[in-house]
C-alpha atoms as a PDB file:
ATOM      1  CA  UNK A   1      77.678  26.950  23.278  1.00  0.00           C
ATOM      2  CA  UNK A   2      75.517  29.717  24.760  1.00  0.00           C
ATOM      3  CA  UNK A   3      72.981  29.269  21.993  1.00  0.00           C
ATOM      4  CA  UNK A   4      72.744  25.539  22.734  1.00  0.00           C
ATOM      5  CA  UNK A   5      72.134  26.226  26.448  1.00  0.00           C
ATOM      6  CA  UNK A   6      69.421  28.780  25.603  1.00  0.00           C
ATOM      7  CA  UNK A   7      67.737  26.341  23.166  1.00  0.00           C
ATOM      8  CA  UNK A   8      67.788  23.578  25.770  1.00  0.00           C
ATOM      9  CA  UNK A   9      66.277  25.852  28.404  1.00  0.00           C
ATOM     10  CA  UNK A  10      63.468  26.920  26.091  1.00  0.00           C
ATOM     11  CA  UNK A  11      62.763  23.274  25.275  1.00  0.00           C
ATOM     12  CA  UNK A  12      62.478  22.457  28.980  1.00  0.00           C
ATOM     13  CA  UNK A  13      60.168  25.436  29.522  1.00  0.00           C
ATOM     14  CA  UNK A  14      57.956  24.381  26.612  1.00  0.00           C
ATOM     15  CA  UNK A  15      57.886  20.755  27.793  1.00  0.00           C
ATOM     16  CA  UNK A  16      56.798  21.534  31.356  1.00  0.00           C
ATOM     17  CA  UNK A  17      54.573  24.477  30.420  1.00  0.00           C
ATOM     18  CA  UNK A  18      56.737  26.880  32.373  1.00  0.00           C
ATOM     19  CA  UNK A  19      56.479  30.503  31.519  1.00  0.00           C
ATOM     20  CA  UNK A  20      52.834  30.235  30.476  1.00  0.00           C
ATOM     21  CA  UNK A  21      50.403  32.525  32.219  1.00  0.00           C
ATOM     22  CA  UNK A  22      46.657  33.153  32.008  1.00  0.00           C
ATOM     23  CA  UNK A  23      45.387  35.903  29.738  1.00  0.00           C
ATOM     24  CA  UNK A  24      42.318  37.937  30.649  1.00  0.00           C
ATOM     25  CA  UNK A  25      39.929  39.466  28.130  1.00  0.00           C
ATOM     26  CA  UNK A  26      37.096  41.863  28.702  1.00  0.00           C
ATOM     27  CA  UNK A  27      33.552  40.777  27.940  1.00  0.00           C
ATOM     28  CA  UNK A  28      29.948  40.960  29.013  1.00  0.00           C
ATOM     29  CA  UNK A  29      26.999  38.678  29.537  1.00  0.00           C
ATOM     30  CA  UNK A  30      24.578  38.151  26.670  1.00  0.00           C
ATOM     31  CA  UNK A  31      21.250  36.349  26.334  1.00  0.00           C
ATOM     32  CA  UNK A  32      19.134  35.143  23.427  1.00  0.00           C
ATOM     33  CA  UNK A  33      15.575  35.852  24.481  1.00  0.00           C
ATOM     34  CA  UNK A  34      12.543  33.804  23.519  1.00  0.00           C
ATOM     35  CA  UNK A  35       9.592  36.044  22.688  1.00  0.00           C
ATOM     36  CA  UNK A  36       6.374  34.091  23.181  1.00  0.00           C
ATOM     37  CA  UNK A  37       3.547  35.379  20.978  1.00  0.00           C
ATOM     38  CA  UNK A  38       0.136  33.988  19.984  1.00  0.00           C
ATOM     39  CA  UNK A  39      -0.563  33.173  16.362  1.00  0.00           C
ATOM     40  CA  UNK A  40      -4.202  34.256  16.724  1.00  0.00           C
ATOM     41  CA  UNK A  41      -5.223  37.721  17.954  1.00  0.00           C
ATOM     42  CA  UNK A  42      -7.375  38.291  21.020  1.00  0.00           C
ATOM     43  CA  UNK A  43      -7.780  40.116  24.304  1.00  0.00           C
ATOM     44  CA  UNK A  44      -5.355  39.111  27.066  1.00  0.00           C
ATOM     45  CA  UNK A  45      -7.489  37.350  29.659  1.00  0.00           C
ATOM     46  CA  UNK A  46      -4.915  36.147  32.209  1.00  0.00           C
ATOM     47  CA  UNK A  47      -1.186  36.702  32.681  1.00  0.00           C
ATOM     48  CA  UNK A  48       0.054  33.725  34.681  1.00  0.00           C
ATOM     49  CA  UNK A  49       3.720  34.710  35.208  1.00  0.00           C
ATOM     50  CA  UNK A  50       5.511  37.719  36.649  1.00  0.00           C
ATOM     51  CA  UNK A  51       8.762  39.386  35.692  1.00  0.00           C
ATOM     52  CA  UNK A  52      11.748  37.821  37.466  1.00  0.00           C
ATOM     53  CA  UNK A  53      10.024  34.478  38.004  1.00  0.00           C
ATOM     54  CA  UNK A  54      11.709  31.159  37.247  1.00  0.00           C
ATOM     55  CA  UNK A  55       9.364  28.796  35.414  1.00  0.00           C
ATOM     56  CA  UNK A  56       9.440  25.237  34.130  1.00  0.00           C
ATOM     57  CA  UNK A  57       8.592  23.719  30.773  1.00  0.00           C
ATOM     58  CA  UNK A  58       4.829  23.418  30.321  1.00  0.00           C
ATOM     59  CA  UNK A  59       3.904  26.112  32.846  1.00  0.00           C
ATOM     60  CA  UNK A  60       1.044  28.320  31.620  1.00  0.00           C
ATOM     61  CA  UNK A  61       2.262  31.761  30.531  1.00  0.00           C
ATOM     62  CA  UNK A  62      -0.905  33.579  29.495  1.00  0.00           C
ATOM     63  CA  UNK A  63      -4.423  33.064  28.168  1.00  0.00           C
ATOM     64  CA  UNK A  64      -6.362  35.029  25.561  1.00  0.00           C
ATOM     65  CA  UNK A  65     -10.163  35.180  25.445  1.00  0.00           C
ATOM     66  CA  UNK A  66     -11.263  31.978  23.719  1.00  0.00           C
ATOM     67  CA  UNK A  67     -15.049  31.639  23.933  1.00  0.00           C
ATOM     68  CA  UNK A  68     -15.542  31.543  20.160  1.00  0.00           C
ATOM     69  CA  UNK A  69     -12.691  29.034  19.725  1.00  0.00           C
ATOM     70  CA  UNK A  70     -14.193  26.785  22.404  1.00  0.00           C
ATOM     71  CA  UNK A  71     -17.593  26.912  20.638  1.00  0.00           C
ATOM     72  CA  UNK A  72     -15.902  25.980  17.358  1.00  0.00           C
ATOM     73  CA  UNK A  73     -14.242  22.973  19.018  1.00  0.00           C
ATOM     74  CA  UNK A  74     -17.543  21.814  20.504  1.00  0.00           C
ATOM     75  CA  UNK A  75     -19.296  22.131  17.138  1.00  0.00           C
ATOM     76  CA  UNK A  76     -16.497  20.325  15.283  1.00  0.00           C
ATOM     77  CA  UNK A  77     -16.531  17.525  17.854  1.00  0.00           C
ATOM     78  CA  UNK A  78     -20.289  17.077  17.472  1.00  0.00           C
ATOM     79  CA  UNK A  79     -19.938  16.883  13.679  1.00  0.00           C
ATOM     80  CA  UNK A  80     -17.095  14.390  14.022  1.00  0.00           C
ATOM     81  CA  UNK A  81     -19.187  12.213  16.353  1.00  0.00           C
ATOM     82  CA  UNK A  82     -22.110  12.321  13.884  1.00  0.00           C
ATOM     83  CA  UNK A  83     -19.855  11.305  10.977  1.00  0.00           C
ATOM     84  CA  UNK A  84     -18.361   8.455  13.028  1.00  0.00           C
ATOM     85  CA  UNK A  85     -21.826   7.190  13.951  1.00  0.00           C
ATOM     86  CA  UNK A  86     -22.993   7.286  10.317  1.00  0.00           C
ATOM     87  CA  UNK A  87     -19.968   5.308   9.158  1.00  0.00           C
ATOM     88  CA  UNK A  88     -20.348   2.789  11.969  1.00  0.00           C
ATOM     89  CA  UNK A  89     -23.992   2.247  11.028  1.00  0.00           C
ATOM     90  CA  UNK A  90     -23.061   1.580   7.399  1.00  0.00           C
ATOM     91  CA  UNK A  91     -20.331  -0.856   8.418  1.00  0.00           C
ATOM     92  CA  UNK A  92     -22.566  -2.651  10.907  1.00  0.00           C
ATOM     93  CA  UNK A  93     -24.168  -6.005  10.011  1.00  0.00           C
ATOM     94  CA  UNK A  94     -27.937  -6.567  10.207  1.00  0.00           C
ATOM     95  CA  UNK A  95     -29.552  -7.256  13.555  1.00  0.00           C
ATOM     96  CA  UNK A  96     -29.869 -10.847  14.776  1.00  0.00           C
ATOM     97  CA  UNK A  97     -33.622 -11.303  14.006  1.00  0.00           C
ATOM     98  CA  UNK A  98     -33.008 -10.148  10.429  1.00  0.00           C
ATOM     99  CA  UNK A  99     -30.073 -12.551  10.127  1.00  0.00           C
ATOM    100  CA  UNK A 100     -32.220 -15.438  11.399  1.00  0.00           C
ATOM    101  CA  UNK A 101     -34.901 -14.591   8.835  1.00  0.00           C
ATOM    102  CA  UNK A 102     -32.320 -14.644   6.019  1.00  0.00           C
ATOM    103  CA  UNK A 103     -31.051 -18.032   7.241  1.00  0.00           C
ATOM    104  CA  UNK A 104     -34.587 -19.443   7.200  1.00  0.00           C
ATOM    105  CA  UNK A 105     -35.133 -18.137   3.672  1.00  0.00           C
ATOM    106  CA  UNK A 106     -31.881 -19.741   2.572  1.00  0.00           C
ATOM    107  CA  UNK A 107     -32.853 -23.088   4.125  1.00  0.00           C
ATOM    108  CA  UNK A 108     -36.298 -22.963   2.507  1.00  0.00           C
ATOM    109  CA  UNK A 109     -34.778 -22.249  -0.903  1.00  0.00           C
ATOM    110  CA  UNK A 110     -32.284 -25.055  -0.406  1.00  0.00           C
ATOM    111  CA  UNK A 111     -35.061 -27.539   0.377  1.00  0.00           C
ATOM    112  CA  UNK A 112     -37.062 -26.458  -2.672  1.00  0.00           C
ATOM    113  CA  UNK A 113     -34.002 -26.858  -4.869  1.00  0.00           C
ATOM    114  CA  UNK A 114     -33.383 -30.378  -3.537  1.00  0.00           C
ATOM    115  CA  UNK A 115     -36.996 -31.421  -4.292  1.00  0.00           C
ATOM    116  CA  UNK A 116     -36.733 -29.960  -7.793  1.00  0.00           C
ATOM    117  CA  UNK A 117     -33.478 -31.883  -8.377  1.00  0.00           C
ATOM    118  CA  UNK A 118     -35.115 -35.143  -7.288  1.00  0.00           C
ATOM    119  CA  UNK A 119     -38.122 -34.587  -9.568  1.00  0.00           C
ATOM    120  CA  UNK A 120     -35.892 -33.661 -12.526  1.00  0.00           C
ATOM    121  CA  UNK A 121     -33.696 -36.722 -11.983  1.00  0.00           C
ATOM    122  CA  UNK A 122     -36.795 -38.957 -11.983  1.00  0.00           C
ATOM    123  CA  UNK A 123     -38.123 -37.219 -15.110  1.00  0.00           C
ATOM    124  CA  UNK A 124     -34.836 -37.917 -16.934  1.00  0.00           C
ATOM    125  CA  UNK A 125     -35.415 -41.668 -16.494  1.00  0.00           C
ATOM    126  CA  UNK A 126     -39.131 -41.554 -17.322  1.00  0.00           C
ATOM    127  CA  UNK A 127     -38.744 -39.463 -20.473  1.00  0.00           C
ATOM    128  CA  UNK A 128     -36.534 -42.196 -21.957  1.00  0.00           C
ATOM    129  CA  UNK A 129     -39.355 -44.762 -21.710  1.00  0.00           C
ATOM    130  CA  UNK A 130     -41.936 -42.114 -22.552  1.00  0.00           C
ATOM    131  CA  UNK A 131     -43.638 -42.514 -19.189  1.00  0.00           C
ATOM    132  CA  UNK A 132     -44.165 -38.716 -19.021  1.00  0.00           C
ATOM    133  CA  UNK A 133     -44.819 -36.108 -21.637  1.00  0.00           C
ATOM    134  CA  UNK A 134     -42.243 -33.674 -22.936  1.00  0.00           C
ATOM    135  CA  UNK A 135     -44.273 -30.822 -21.461  1.00  0.00           C
ATOM    136  CA  UNK A 136     -44.041 -32.320 -17.976  1.00  0.00           C
ATOM    137  CA  UNK A 137     -40.301 -32.825 -18.379  1.00  0.00           C
ATOM    138  CA  UNK A 138     -39.794 -29.222 -19.518  1.00  0.00           C
ATOM    139  CA  UNK A 139     -41.918 -27.903 -16.666  1.00  0.00           C
ATOM    140  CA  UNK A 140     -39.934 -29.811 -14.040  1.00  0.00           C
ATOM    141  CA  UNK A 141     -36.640 -28.557 -15.624  1.00  0.00           C
ATOM    142  CA  UNK A 142     -37.895 -24.954 -15.371  1.00  0.00           C
ATOM    143  CA  UNK A 143     -38.907 -25.555 -11.756  1.00  0.00           C
ATOM    144  CA  UNK A 144     -35.377 -26.803 -10.987  1.00  0.00           C
ATOM    145  CA  UNK A 145     -33.760 -23.772 -12.618  1.00  0.00           C
ATOM    146  CA  UNK A 146     -36.091 -21.490 -10.677  1.00  0.00           C
ATOM    147  CA  UNK A 147     -35.328 -23.224  -7.355  1.00  0.00           C
ATOM    148  CA  UNK A 148     -31.554 -23.050  -7.921  1.00  0.00           C
ATOM    149  CA  UNK A 149     -31.753 -19.335  -8.792  1.00  0.00           C
ATOM    150  CA  UNK A 150     -33.808 -18.683  -5.668  1.00  0.00           C
ATOM    151  CA  UNK A 151     -31.221 -20.556  -3.583  1.00  0.00           C
ATOM    152  CA  UNK A 152     -28.344 -18.473  -4.964  1.00  0.00           C
ATOM    153  CA  UNK A 153     -30.325 -15.297  -4.294  1.00  0.00           C
ATOM    154  CA  UNK A 154     -30.972 -16.255  -0.654  1.00  0.00           C
ATOM    155  CA  UNK A 155     -27.304 -17.132  -0.167  1.00  0.00           C
ATOM    156  CA  UNK A 156     -26.230 -13.726  -1.504  1.00  0.00           C
ATOM    157  CA  UNK A 157     -28.740 -11.949   0.743  1.00  0.00           C
ATOM    158  CA  UNK A 158     -27.400 -13.794   3.781  1.00  0.00           C
ATOM    159  CA  UNK A 159     -23.797 -12.911   2.944  1.00  0.00           C
ATOM    160  CA  UNK A 160     -24.730  -9.260   2.562  1.00  0.00           C
ATOM    161  CA  UNK A 161     -26.667  -9.295   5.816  1.00  0.00           C
ATOM    162  CA  UNK A 162     -23.668 -10.734   7.649  1.00  0.00           C
ATOM    163  CA  UNK A 163     -21.308  -8.070   6.265  1.00  0.00           C
ATOM    164  CA  UNK A 164     -22.559  -4.455   6.150  1.00  0.00           C
ATOM    165  CA  UNK A 165     -25.779  -2.591   5.579  1.00  0.00           C
ATOM    166  CA  UNK A 166     -24.315   0.086   3.314  1.00  0.00           C
ATOM    167  CA  UNK A 167     -23.215   0.124  -0.270  1.00  0.00           C
ATOM    168  CA  UNK A 168     -19.556   0.567  -1.154  1.00  0.00           C
ATOM    169  CA  UNK A 169     -20.021   4.075  -2.537  1.00  0.00           C
ATOM    170  CA  UNK A 170     -22.017   5.128   0.541  1.00  0.00           C
ATOM    171  CA  UNK A 171     -19.317   3.740   2.816  1.00  0.00           C
ATOM    172  CA  UNK A 172     -16.593   5.591   0.921  1.00  0.00           C
ATOM    173  CA  UNK A 173     -18.571   8.827   1.179  1.00  0.00           C
ATOM    174  CA  UNK A 174     -19.044   8.313   4.919  1.00  0.00           C
ATOM    175  CA  UNK A 175     -15.321   7.619   5.340  1.00  0.00           C
ATOM    176  CA  UNK A 176     -14.523  10.878   3.541  1.00  0.00           C
ATOM    177  CA  UNK A 177     -16.957  12.757   5.788  1.00  0.00           C
ATOM    178  CA  UNK A 178     -15.291  11.250   8.854  1.00  0.00           C
ATOM    179  CA  UNK A 179     -11.817  12.284   7.687  1.00  0.00           C
ATOM    180  CA  UNK A 180     -12.999  15.817   6.897  1.00  0.00           C
ATOM    181  CA  UNK A 181     -14.711  16.181  10.275  1.00  0.00           C
ATOM    182  CA  UNK A 182     -11.597  14.979  12.095  1.00  0.00           C
ATOM    183  CA  UNK A 183      -9.483  17.514  10.197  1.00  0.00           C
ATOM    184  CA  UNK A 184     -11.943  20.283  11.057  1.00  0.00           C
ATOM    185  CA  UNK A 185     -11.811  19.246  14.718  1.00  0.00           C
ATOM    186  CA  UNK A 186      -7.992  19.313  14.690  1.00  0.00           C
ATOM    187  CA  UNK A 187      -7.999  22.807  13.164  1.00  0.00           C
ATOM    188  CA  UNK A 188     -10.493  24.092  15.727  1.00  0.00           C
ATOM    189  CA  UNK A 189      -8.483  22.534  18.562  1.00  0.00           C
ATOM    190  CA  UNK A 190      -5.260  24.127  17.280  1.00  0.00           C
ATOM    191  CA  UNK A 191      -6.899  27.562  17.260  1.00  0.00           C
ATOM    192  CA  UNK A 192      -8.088  27.017  20.817  1.00  0.00           C
ATOM    193  CA  UNK A 193      -4.612  25.890  21.903  1.00  0.00           C
ATOM    194  CA  UNK A 194      -3.138  29.106  20.496  1.00  0.00           C
ATOM    195  CA  UNK A 195      -5.151  31.042  23.055  1.00  0.00           C
ATOM    196  CA  UNK A 196      -3.373  29.256  25.936  1.00  0.00           C
ATOM    197  CA  UNK A 197       0.410  29.325  25.601  1.00  0.00           C
ATOM    198  CA  UNK A 198       2.807  27.453  27.877  1.00  0.00           C
ATOM    199  CA  UNK A 199       6.553  27.740  28.448  1.00  0.00           C
ATOM    200  CA  UNK A 200       8.568  25.875  25.779  1.00  0.00           C
ATOM    201  CA  UNK A 201      11.384  25.166  28.278  1.00  0.00           C
ATOM    202  CA  UNK A 202      12.661  25.993  31.737  1.00  0.00           C
ATOM    203  CA  UNK A 203      13.418  29.710  31.728  1.00  0.00           C
ATOM    204  CA  UNK A 204      13.685  32.993  33.567  1.00  0.00           C
ATOM    205  CA  UNK A 205      10.840  35.437  32.900  1.00  0.00           C
ATOM    206  CA  UNK A 206      12.784  38.464  31.712  1.00  0.00           C
ATOM    207  CA  UNK A 207       9.774  40.667  31.052  1.00  0.00           C
ATOM    208  CA  UNK A 208       6.006  40.747  30.563  1.00  0.00           C
ATOM    209  CA  UNK A 209       4.920  43.180  27.872  1.00  0.00           C
ATOM    210  CA  UNK A 210       1.129  43.477  28.314  1.00  0.00           C
ATOM    211  CA  UNK A 211      -1.516  43.427  31.002  1.00  0.00           C
ATOM    212  CA  UNK A 212      -4.884  41.622  31.143  1.00  0.00           C
ATOM    213  CA  UNK A 213      -7.546  43.459  29.179  1.00  0.00           C
ATOM    214  CA  UNK A 214      -5.212  44.648  26.417  1.00  0.00           C
ATOM    215  CA  UNK A 215      -5.723  43.457  22.846  1.00  0.00           C
ATOM    216  CA  UNK A 216      -2.904  41.332  21.410  1.00  0.00           C
ATOM    217  CA  UNK A 217      -2.365  41.064  17.660  1.00  0.00           C
ATOM    218  CA  UNK A 218      -1.212  37.796  16.155  1.00  0.00           C
ATOM    219  CA  UNK A 219       2.570  37.511  16.345  1.00  0.00           C
ATOM    220  CA  UNK A 220       2.823  40.171  19.050  1.00  0.00           C
ATOM    221  CA  UNK A 221       5.071  39.003  21.952  1.00  0.00           C
ATOM    222  CA  UNK A 222       3.468  38.932  25.374  1.00  0.00           C
ATOM    223  CA  UNK A 223       6.253  37.375  27.462  1.00  0.00           C
ATOM    224  CA  UNK A 224      10.041  37.494  27.065  1.00  0.00           C
ATOM    225  CA  UNK A 225      11.856  34.415  28.383  1.00  0.00           C
ATOM    226  CA  UNK A 226      15.546  33.719  28.923  1.00  0.00           C
ATOM    227  CA  UNK A 227      16.348  29.981  29.065  1.00  0.00           C
ATOM    228  CA  UNK A 228      19.582  29.119  30.823  1.00  0.00           C
ATOM    229  CA  UNK A 229      20.827  27.419  27.646  1.00  0.00           C
ATOM    230  CA  UNK A 230      20.595  30.767  25.833  1.00  0.00           C
ATOM    231  CA  UNK A 231      22.981  32.582  28.193  1.00  0.00           C
ATOM    232  CA  UNK A 232      26.509  33.210  26.940  1.00  0.00           C
ATOM    233  CA  UNK A 233      29.412  35.616  27.165  1.00  0.00           C
ATOM    234  CA  UNK A 234      30.816  37.831  24.443  1.00  0.00           C
ATOM    235  CA  UNK A 235      34.407  38.982  24.660  1.00  0.00           C
ATOM    236  CA  UNK A 236      36.898  40.632  22.334  1.00  0.00           C
ATOM    237  CA  UNK A 237      40.288  39.344  21.294  1.00  0.00           C
ATOM    238  CA  UNK A 238      43.102  41.000  19.290  1.00  0.00           C
ATOM    239  CA  UNK A 239      43.889  39.371  15.956  1.00  0.00           C
ATOM    240  CA  UNK A 240      47.307  37.965  17.025  1.00  0.00           C
ATOM    241  CA  UNK A 241      45.612  35.922  19.803  1.00  0.00           C
ATOM    242  CA  UNK A 242      43.091  34.184  17.531  1.00  0.00           C
ATOM    243  CA  UNK A 243      45.253  31.186  16.501  1.00  0.00           C
ATOM    244  CA  UNK A 244      45.487  30.124  20.155  1.00  0.00           C
ATOM    245  CA  UNK A 245      41.709  30.311  20.692  1.00  0.00           C
ATOM    246  CA  UNK A 246      39.896  27.860  18.413  1.00  0.00           C
ATOM    247  CA  UNK A 247      36.277  26.872  18.961  1.00  0.00           C
ATOM    248  CA  UNK A 248      36.065  24.538  21.954  1.00  0.00           C
ATOM    249  CA  UNK A 249      38.885  26.181  23.914  1.00  0.00           C
ATOM    250  CA  UNK A 250      38.302  25.854  27.659  1.00  0.00           C
ATOM    251  CA  UNK A 251      38.292  28.997  29.783  1.00  0.00           C
ATOM    252  CA  UNK A 252      36.914  30.539  32.937  1.00  0.00           C
ATOM    253  CA  UNK A 253      34.456  33.367  33.384  1.00  0.00           C
ATOM    254  CA  UNK A 254      34.947  35.603  36.389  1.00  0.00           C
ATOM    255  CA  UNK A 255      32.270  37.918  37.706  1.00  0.00           C
ATOM    256  CA  UNK A 256      32.065  39.838  40.967  1.00  0.00           C
ATOM    257  CA  UNK A 257      32.301  36.618  42.982  1.00  0.00           C
ATOM    258  CA  UNK A 258      35.492  34.675  43.605  1.00  0.00           C
ATOM    259  CA  UNK A 259      34.122  31.445  42.168  1.00  0.00           C
ATOM    260  CA  UNK A 260      34.976  31.210  38.416  1.00  0.00           C
ATOM    261  CA  UNK A 261      32.545  29.641  35.956  1.00  0.00           C
ATOM    262  CA  UNK A 262      33.955  27.050  33.498  1.00  0.00           C
ATOM    263  CA  UNK A 263      33.120  27.724  29.847  1.00  0.00           C
ATOM    264  CA  UNK A 264      34.252  27.051  26.291  1.00  0.00           C
ATOM    265  CA  UNK A 265      34.388  29.059  23.071  1.00  0.00           C
ATOM    266  CA  UNK A 266      31.391  28.391  20.838  1.00  0.00           C
ATOM    267  CA  UNK A 267      31.732  31.028  18.101  1.00  0.00           C
ATOM    268  CA  UNK A 268      34.372  33.253  16.499  1.00  0.00           C
ATOM    269  CA  UNK A 269      33.267  36.225  14.430  1.00  0.00           C
ATOM    270  CA  UNK A 270      34.780  36.216  10.917  1.00  0.00           C
ATOM    271  CA  UNK A 271      34.884  40.023  10.829  1.00  0.00           C
ATOM    272  CA  UNK A 272      37.165  42.387  12.706  1.00  0.00           C
ATOM    273  CA  UNK A 273      35.767  45.456  14.417  1.00  0.00           C
ATOM    274  CA  UNK A 274      36.986  48.378  16.454  1.00  0.00           C
ATOM    275  CA  UNK A 275      36.664  48.357  20.210  1.00  0.00           C
ATOM    276  CA  UNK A 276      32.943  47.945  20.934  1.00  0.00           C
ATOM    277  CA  UNK A 277      31.090  50.730  22.719  1.00  0.00           C
ATOM    278  CA  UNK A 278      30.731  48.584  25.832  1.00  0.00           C
ATOM    279  CA  UNK A 279      34.518  48.698  26.380  1.00  0.00           C
ATOM    280  CA  UNK A 280      35.698  52.262  26.860  1.00  0.00           C
ATOM    281  CA  UNK A 281      39.407  51.664  27.030  1.00  0.00           C
ATOM    282  CA  UNK A 282      41.883  54.216  25.736  1.00  0.00           C
ATOM    283  CA  UNK A 283      44.576  51.574  25.252  1.00  0.00           C
ATOM    284  CA  UNK A 284      42.643  49.432  22.770  1.00  0.00           C
ATOM    285  CA  UNK A 285      40.479  52.096  21.126  1.00  0.00           C
ATOM    286  CA  UNK A 286      42.492  52.019  17.910  1.00  0.00           C
ATOM    287  CA  UNK A 287      42.950  48.259  17.795  1.00  0.00           C
ATOM    288  CA  UNK A 288      40.906  45.889  15.706  1.00  0.00           C
ATOM    289  CA  UNK A 289      39.332  43.128  17.724  1.00  0.00           C
ATOM    290  CA  UNK A 290      37.429  39.931  16.961  1.00  0.00           C
ATOM    291  CA  UNK A 291      34.264  39.096  18.849  1.00  0.00           C
ATOM    292  CA  UNK A 292      34.110  35.605  20.353  1.00  0.00           C
ATOM    293  CA  UNK A 293      31.287  33.875  22.204  1.00  0.00           C
ATOM    294  CA  UNK A 294      31.625  31.400  25.049  1.00  0.00           C
ATOM    295  CA  UNK A 295      28.999  29.129  26.567  1.00  0.00           C
ATOM    296  CA  UNK A 296      29.199  28.414  30.306  1.00  0.00           C
ATOM    297  CA  UNK A 297      29.548  24.741  31.186  1.00  0.00           C
ATOM    298  CA  UNK A 298      27.905  25.198  34.602  1.00  0.00           C
ATOM    299  CA  UNK A 299      25.689  27.630  36.521  1.00  0.00           C
ATOM    300  CA  UNK A 300      24.800  29.837  33.529  1.00  0.00           C
ATOM    301  CA  UNK A 301      22.199  31.622  35.667  1.00  0.00           C
ATOM    302  CA  UNK A 302      25.040  33.435  37.438  1.00  0.00           C
ATOM    303  CA  UNK A 303      25.766  35.403  34.263  1.00  0.00           C
ATOM    304  CA  UNK A 304      23.557  38.445  33.855  1.00  0.00           C
ATOM    305  CA  UNK A 305      23.118  39.893  30.345  1.00  0.00           C
ATOM    306  CA  UNK A 306      24.745  43.291  30.002  1.00  0.00           C
ATOM    307  CA  UNK A 307      27.023  43.036  33.033  1.00  0.00           C
ATOM    308  CA  UNK A 308      30.811  43.031  32.454  1.00  0.00           C
ATOM    309  CA  UNK A 309      32.880  39.903  33.094  1.00  0.00           C
ATOM    310  CA  UNK A 310      36.476  38.800  32.723  1.00  0.00           C
ATOM    311  CA  UNK A 311      37.308  35.839  30.493  1.00  0.00           C
ATOM    312  CA  UNK A 312      40.466  34.035  31.622  1.00  0.00           C
ATOM    313  CA  UNK A 313      42.294  31.679  29.280  1.00  0.00           C
ATOM    314  CA  UNK A 314      45.023  29.545  30.777  1.00  0.00           C
ATOM    315  CA  UNK A 315      48.343  29.338  29.008  1.00  0.00           C
ATOM    316  CA  UNK A 316      47.765  32.396  26.845  1.00  0.00           C
END
């Protein structure tokens, strides 16, 4: 009977969540920094941000000397303009006076062909009654053939004049030159852009590593940024508590203020480790812990990397 009463009481406690209490773990703020570095070396000309500043996406961070890159862009643009003009000239039809001259030549050839056809048709009737000689008939037939060939030639010249002035192979060569010049311009512009770097996102300027006048190698960071999305908390949990803390578990982060920050677990380390050096605690020194990471769901800027925090999980 006593066992039944105890079982019923535990069922009621489990149903209503009675007896559960929050569990607090030790942790600290952590940040994943974005190191902004140029891909082309040069002397630092301007540093447009200061340490501790909050910046927005697209804000200019720093500029390297770029006179030679600007000259290369100007030269590539001039070559691209020249190639475009050459191609446009080849694709352009003849001027209007030239077109009118070709039309007149076509009309003249057409009239000559019509006269030759009339003469040849008359000769066909007269040759049957031997009113003309065979030589005259053959001469008029040759004149007709000549007139028709001249007409076809003038028609072809007019069609060509109405289309383009360049040959197909010349046009293809000009098109290739245009594509190559555009690619060269894009390359030159990219090199120039690498000398002026902007913020990839809203961020906090954690540090500036060089001053104007210093030489920067390619790939050498100049500014260290900390976007709010890269701020998280690391805390350490004993192995027996892991089953109750899957990824996505809601929790609260408490710092020196009384206003907790909502968060959720985003990562669980697969390897156990001894108490980390940041947590000098005699009670857990010999215990194996698992490192977990949590991402704040609001006001991540309140968490400062390196500073200790408490992670509170309800119903632990």
